[in-house]
N, C-alpha and C. Protein backbone atom coordinates (compact mmCIF):
# COMPACT_ATOMS: atom_id res chain seq x y z
N MET A 1 0.61 -1.53 0.17
CA MET A 1 0.28 -0.20 -0.20
C MET A 1 0.90 1.45 -0.26
N ARG A 2 0.72 2.09 -1.09
CA ARG A 2 1.21 3.63 -0.92
C ARG A 2 0.95 4.41 0.20
N ASP A 3 1.87 5.20 0.97
CA ASP A 3 1.89 5.93 2.08
C ASP A 3 2.24 7.48 1.67
N PHE A 4 1.27 8.22 1.44
CA PHE A 4 1.80 9.59 1.34
C PHE A 4 2.15 10.13 2.19
N ARG A 5 2.27 9.93 3.44
CA ARG A 5 3.55 10.22 4.39
C ARG A 5 4.90 10.53 4.26
N LYS A 6 5.01 9.89 3.16
CA LYS A 6 6.20 9.34 3.29
C LYS A 6 7.14 10.82 2.51
N TYR A 7 6.07 11.34 1.60
CA TYR A 7 6.60 12.65 0.66
C TYR A 7 7.11 14.16 2.14
N ASP A 8 8.00 14.63 1.40
CA ASP A 8 8.81 15.31 2.24
C ASP A 8 7.84 17.03 2.26
N ILE A 9 7.40 17.19 0.75
CA ILE A 9 6.21 17.94 0.59
C ILE A 9 4.92 17.90 1.93
N TRP A 10 4.38 17.04 1.25
CA TRP A 10 3.67 16.39 2.80
C TRP A 10 3.59 16.92 4.33
N LYS A 11 4.76 16.36 4.29
CA LYS A 11 5.10 16.53 5.89
C LYS A 11 5.49 18.12 6.15
N LEU A 12 6.01 18.83 5.07
CA LEU A 12 6.09 20.18 5.46
C LEU A 12 4.76 20.90 5.39
N GLY A 13 3.75 20.81 4.33
CA GLY A 13 2.53 21.29 4.44
C GLY A 13 1.60 20.94 5.79
N HIS A 14 1.86 19.96 6.43
CA HIS A 14 1.62 18.84 7.48
C HIS A 14 1.75 20.35 9.09
N GLN A 15 2.85 20.30 8.96
CA GLN A 15 4.07 20.99 9.56
C GLN A 15 3.79 22.57 9.87
N ILE A 16 3.34 22.92 8.54
CA ILE A 16 2.65 24.42 8.05
C ILE A 16 1.72 24.70 9.00
N THR A 17 0.81 24.01 8.99
CA THR A 17 -1.09 23.70 8.97
C THR A 17 -0.76 23.64 10.49
N LEU A 18 -0.31 23.01 11.23
CA LEU A 18 0.07 22.78 12.74
C LEU A 18 0.59 24.15 13.11
N LYS A 19 1.52 25.35 12.39
CA LYS A 19 1.66 26.43 12.69
C LYS A 19 0.34 27.41 12.70
N ILE A 20 0.18 27.23 11.56
CA ILE A 20 -1.18 27.98 11.76
C ILE A 20 -2.62 27.86 12.26
N TYR A 21 -2.88 26.24 12.42
CA TYR A 21 -3.22 26.39 13.68
C TYR A 21 -3.19 27.25 15.04
N GLN A 22 -2.04 26.78 15.26
CA GLN A 22 -1.48 27.75 16.60
C GLN A 22 -1.05 29.34 16.53
N ILE A 23 -0.87 29.88 15.32
CA ILE A 23 -0.84 31.11 15.39
C ILE A 23 -2.55 31.53 15.15
N SER A 24 -3.38 31.36 14.73
CA SER A 24 -4.64 32.19 14.30
C SER A 24 -5.36 31.49 15.52
N THR A 25 -5.08 31.52 16.32
CA THR A 25 -5.50 30.95 17.76
C THR A 25 -5.68 32.35 18.50
N ASN A 26 -4.93 32.82 18.33
CA ASN A 26 -4.77 34.62 18.59
C ASN A 26 -5.27 35.66 18.14
N PHE A 27 -6.00 35.08 16.89
CA PHE A 27 -6.32 36.10 15.50
C PHE A 27 -7.54 36.73 16.29
N PRO A 28 -8.64 37.89 16.30
CA PRO A 28 -9.54 38.14 17.04
C PRO A 28 -10.58 37.27 16.39
N LYS A 29 -11.97 37.39 17.42
CA LYS A 29 -12.73 36.88 18.05
C LYS A 29 -13.49 36.18 16.65
N GLU A 30 -13.49 38.03 16.17
CA GLU A 30 -14.40 38.23 15.47
C GLU A 30 -13.89 37.75 13.58
N GLU A 31 -12.95 37.18 13.61
CA GLU A 31 -11.89 36.69 12.14
C GLU A 31 -12.46 34.92 12.39
N ILE A 32 -13.31 34.99 13.38
CA ILE A 32 -12.94 33.04 13.27
C ILE A 32 -13.80 32.36 12.04
N TYR A 33 -15.06 33.03 11.63
CA TYR A 33 -15.00 32.72 10.34
C TYR A 33 -15.05 33.68 9.45
N GLY A 34 -13.81 34.18 9.50
CA GLY A 34 -13.67 34.93 8.13
C GLY A 34 -12.20 34.88 8.27
N LEU A 35 -11.25 35.14 8.52
CA LEU A 35 -10.29 34.90 7.81
C LEU A 35 -8.99 33.39 8.72
N THR A 36 -9.41 33.68 10.26
CA THR A 36 -9.22 32.29 10.60
C THR A 36 -9.24 31.11 10.21
N SER A 37 -10.69 31.12 9.76
CA SER A 37 -11.27 29.72 9.13
C SER A 37 -10.28 29.77 7.47
N GLN A 38 -10.75 31.01 6.84
CA GLN A 38 -10.19 30.89 5.46
C GLN A 38 -8.34 29.97 5.54
N MET A 39 -7.82 30.85 5.94
CA MET A 39 -6.53 30.64 6.25
C MET A 39 -5.88 29.04 7.07
N ARG A 40 -6.93 28.51 7.50
CA ARG A 40 -6.80 27.30 8.44
C ARG A 40 -7.38 26.43 6.68
N ARG A 41 -8.45 26.44 6.43
CA ARG A 41 -8.54 26.08 5.66
C ARG A 41 -7.80 25.53 4.67
N ALA A 42 -7.11 26.81 3.85
CA ALA A 42 -5.90 26.59 2.63
C ALA A 42 -4.88 26.02 3.65
N ALA A 43 -4.64 25.77 4.62
CA ALA A 43 -3.63 25.32 4.80
C ALA A 43 -3.81 23.56 4.90
N TYR A 44 -4.69 23.39 5.45
CA TYR A 44 -4.46 22.00 5.74
C TYR A 44 -5.25 21.12 4.36
N SER A 45 -5.95 22.35 3.28
CA SER A 45 -5.81 22.35 2.13
C SER A 45 -4.98 21.22 0.84
N VAL A 46 -3.76 21.97 1.34
CA VAL A 46 -2.40 21.66 0.87
C VAL A 46 -2.24 20.29 1.15
N SER A 47 -2.01 19.68 2.66
CA SER A 47 -1.40 18.26 2.64
C SER A 47 -3.10 17.54 2.49
N SER A 48 -4.14 17.83 2.41
CA SER A 48 -5.12 16.75 2.11
C SER A 48 -5.05 16.60 0.72
N SER A 49 -4.72 17.50 -0.37
CA SER A 49 -4.95 17.02 -1.81
C SER A 49 -3.83 16.56 -2.08
N ILE A 50 -2.55 16.64 -1.46
CA ILE A 50 -1.66 15.91 -1.89
C ILE A 50 -1.75 14.31 -1.34
N ALA A 51 -2.43 14.20 -0.13
CA ALA A 51 -2.79 12.81 -0.24
C ALA A 51 -3.76 12.19 -0.54
N GLU A 52 -5.06 12.88 -1.00
CA GLU A 52 -6.05 12.30 -1.95
C GLU A 52 -5.14 11.70 -3.27
N GLY A 53 -4.19 12.98 -3.87
CA GLY A 53 -3.59 12.94 -5.35
C GLY A 53 -3.13 11.40 -5.22
N TYR A 54 -2.79 11.35 -4.25
CA TYR A 54 -1.77 9.90 -4.22
C TYR A 54 -2.23 8.90 -3.72
N GLY A 55 -3.33 8.69 -3.32
CA GLY A 55 -4.42 7.67 -3.29
C GLY A 55 -5.06 7.03 -4.53
N ARG A 56 -5.05 8.02 -5.79
CA ARG A 56 -5.87 8.04 -6.75
C ARG A 56 -5.00 6.99 -7.26
N GLU A 57 -3.85 6.91 -7.30
CA GLU A 57 -2.36 5.88 -7.82
C GLU A 57 -2.70 5.91 -9.65
N SER A 58 -2.42 6.86 -9.67
CA SER A 58 -1.84 7.53 -11.31
C SER A 58 -1.70 8.61 -11.05
N ASP A 59 -0.43 8.45 -12.08
CA ASP A 59 0.28 9.59 -12.05
C ASP A 59 -0.31 11.41 -12.87
N ALA A 60 -1.06 10.89 -13.51
CA ALA A 60 -2.30 12.02 -13.86
C ALA A 60 -2.80 12.67 -12.90
N GLU A 61 -3.89 11.50 -12.20
CA GLU A 61 -4.50 12.20 -11.00
C GLU A 61 -3.72 12.68 -9.94
N PHE A 62 -2.16 12.45 -9.39
CA PHE A 62 -1.30 13.08 -8.54
C PHE A 62 -1.10 14.05 -8.94
N LYS A 63 -0.50 14.38 -10.09
CA LYS A 63 -0.14 15.93 -10.77
C LYS A 63 -1.24 16.60 -10.33
N ARG A 64 -2.39 16.74 -10.69
CA ARG A 64 -3.90 17.67 -10.93
C ARG A 64 -4.06 17.99 -9.52
N PHE A 65 -3.15 17.01 -8.77
CA PHE A 65 -3.89 17.43 -7.40
C PHE A 65 -3.07 17.93 -6.35
N LEU A 66 -1.49 17.65 -6.70
CA LEU A 66 -0.33 18.52 -6.49
C LEU A 66 -0.84 20.32 -7.05
N THR A 67 -1.53 20.21 -8.23
CA THR A 67 -1.80 21.90 -8.86
C THR A 67 -2.31 22.23 -7.86
N ILE A 68 -3.62 21.14 -7.65
CA ILE A 68 -4.60 22.13 -6.52
C ILE A 68 -4.03 22.40 -5.11
N SER A 69 -3.06 21.29 -4.58
CA SER A 69 -2.40 22.02 -3.51
C SER A 69 -1.10 23.25 -3.40
N GLN A 70 -0.63 23.06 -4.92
CA GLN A 70 -0.15 24.75 -5.45
C GLN A 70 -0.94 25.93 -5.43
N GLY A 71 -2.42 25.38 -5.79
CA GLY A 71 -3.04 26.57 -5.34
C GLY A 71 -3.29 26.55 -3.96
N SER A 72 -3.31 26.00 -2.77
CA SER A 72 -3.74 26.68 -1.88
C SER A 72 -2.44 27.12 -1.12
N ALA A 73 -1.59 26.83 -2.04
CA ALA A 73 -0.31 27.22 -1.22
C ALA A 73 -0.11 28.90 -1.20
N SER A 74 -0.62 28.92 -2.71
CA SER A 74 -0.84 30.27 -2.85
C SER A 74 -1.77 31.49 -2.77
N GLU A 75 -2.84 30.65 -2.40
CA GLU A 75 -4.03 31.26 -1.31
C GLU A 75 -3.64 31.81 0.19
N LEU A 76 -2.54 30.46 0.85
CA LEU A 76 -2.52 30.70 2.02
C LEU A 76 -0.84 31.99 2.43
N GLU A 77 -0.23 31.87 1.51
CA GLU A 77 0.76 33.11 1.16
C GLU A 77 0.16 34.38 0.74
N TYR A 78 -1.01 34.46 0.26
CA TYR A 78 -1.70 36.04 0.35
C TYR A 78 -2.35 35.76 1.63
N PHE A 79 -2.97 35.04 2.33
CA PHE A 79 -3.62 35.02 3.92
C PHE A 79 -2.67 35.32 4.62
N THR A 80 -1.26 34.95 4.92
CA THR A 80 -0.10 35.28 5.75
C THR A 80 0.04 36.83 5.67
N THR A 81 0.15 37.64 4.74
CA THR A 81 0.12 38.47 4.01
C THR A 81 -0.85 39.46 4.72
N LEU A 82 -1.87 39.08 4.27
CA LEU A 82 -2.95 40.24 5.10
C LEU A 82 -3.33 39.87 6.67
N ALA A 83 -2.49 38.64 7.36
CA ALA A 83 -2.63 38.67 8.51
C ALA A 83 -1.87 39.62 9.28
N ARG A 84 -0.47 39.69 8.34
CA ARG A 84 0.93 40.45 9.00
C ARG A 84 -0.07 41.97 8.92
N ASP A 85 -0.40 42.11 7.70
CA ASP A 85 -0.50 43.91 7.43
C ASP A 85 -2.07 44.15 8.05
N LEU A 86 -2.62 42.80 8.69
CA LEU A 86 -3.40 43.90 10.02
C LEU A 86 -3.27 43.70 10.77
N ASP A 87 -2.16 43.49 11.50
CA ASP A 87 -0.99 43.27 12.63
C ASP A 87 -1.81 42.40 13.78
N TYR A 88 -2.12 41.33 12.32
CA TYR A 88 -2.45 39.87 13.28
C TYR A 88 -1.62 38.42 13.29
N LEU A 89 -0.52 38.98 12.29
CA LEU A 89 1.00 38.16 12.80
C LEU A 89 1.96 39.56 13.32
N ILE A 90 2.92 39.28 13.90
CA ILE A 90 3.89 40.01 14.23
C ILE A 90 5.08 39.28 12.95
N GLU A 91 5.81 40.41 12.80
CA GLU A 91 6.74 39.99 11.59
C GLU A 91 7.55 38.96 11.79
N GLY A 92 8.31 38.33 12.57
CA GLY A 92 8.62 37.00 13.09
C GLY A 92 8.36 36.19 12.23
N ASP A 93 6.84 35.95 12.68
CA ASP A 93 6.29 34.37 12.44
C ASP A 93 5.73 34.63 11.16
N PHE A 94 5.21 35.41 10.40
CA PHE A 94 5.49 36.12 9.24
C PHE A 94 6.31 35.78 7.98
N GLU A 95 7.73 36.22 8.62
CA GLU A 95 8.99 35.54 8.17
C GLU A 95 8.85 34.33 8.17
N VAL A 96 8.88 33.54 9.34
CA VAL A 96 9.27 31.88 9.08
C VAL A 96 7.86 31.27 7.97
N LEU A 97 6.57 31.78 8.16
CA LEU A 97 5.53 30.98 7.82
C LEU A 97 5.84 31.65 6.21
N ASN A 98 6.42 32.42 5.46
CA ASN A 98 6.07 33.11 4.58
C ASN A 98 7.60 32.20 4.05
N ASP A 99 8.42 32.06 4.33
CA ASP A 99 9.68 31.02 4.08
C ASP A 99 9.42 29.59 4.04
N GLU A 100 8.74 29.05 4.56
CA GLU A 100 8.22 28.18 4.47
C GLU A 100 7.02 27.86 3.21
N VAL A 101 6.27 28.27 3.70
CA VAL A 101 5.52 28.52 2.09
C VAL A 101 5.70 28.77 0.94
N ASN A 102 6.51 29.06 0.65
CA ASN A 102 7.59 29.21 -0.44
C ASN A 102 7.95 28.27 -1.07
N LYS A 103 9.12 27.38 0.20
CA LYS A 103 9.99 26.57 -0.10
C LYS A 103 8.81 25.35 -0.49
N LEU A 104 7.38 25.15 0.53
CA LEU A 104 6.58 25.05 0.09
C LEU A 104 6.21 24.53 -1.60
N LYS A 105 5.99 25.58 -2.30
CA LYS A 105 5.35 25.82 -2.91
C LYS A 105 6.73 25.60 -4.09
N ARG A 106 8.07 25.67 -4.23
CA ARG A 106 8.90 25.23 -4.96
C ARG A 106 8.98 24.23 -4.97
N SER A 107 9.19 23.48 -3.71
CA SER A 107 8.79 21.76 -3.43
C SER A 107 7.72 21.50 -4.97
N LEU A 108 6.75 22.02 -4.71
CA LEU A 108 5.60 21.27 -5.44
C LEU A 108 5.78 21.08 -6.73
N ASN A 109 6.52 22.83 -7.54
CA ASN A 109 6.58 22.61 -8.78
C ASN A 109 7.66 21.93 -9.28
N ARG A 110 8.91 21.72 -8.30
CA ARG A 110 9.54 20.67 -8.93
C ARG A 110 8.74 19.11 -8.98
N LEU A 111 7.88 18.87 -8.10
CA LEU A 111 7.31 17.33 -8.52
C LEU A 111 6.55 17.43 -9.58
N ILE A 112 6.01 18.74 -9.56
CA ILE A 112 4.76 18.74 -10.63
C ILE A 112 5.48 18.47 -12.02
N ASN A 113 6.55 18.88 -11.98
CA ASN A 113 7.18 18.96 -13.61
C ASN A 113 8.09 17.59 -13.82
N LYS A 114 8.38 17.21 -12.41
CA LYS A 114 9.31 16.00 -12.51
C LYS A 114 8.09 14.16 -13.07
N ILE A 115 6.99 14.77 -12.75
CA ILE A 115 5.76 13.90 -12.70
C ILE A 115 5.56 13.40 -14.33
């Protein structure tokens, strides 16, 4: 049986999701159905799409879901910028997240091009 957890991009996406959940607990309560929810959804969508695509057991389907993950990562990149600009994220947290999301996007791009 194939295991999506072996992919470093899945692991990185999962770690980013855990950080987003932790950091977003400090966002204003009025954002619970707004930015907090959207940011968390974009974060977990990256790894869940990798897992779903991998489970399809065809390279074409896996590649399609990796592309979906790439879109979610770009969405997350914007949400981190928005959270910083709204002063919900401190600059240090933003820089760490932004670097990790960009690393994830580069890794996804390499894997998509490889398949």
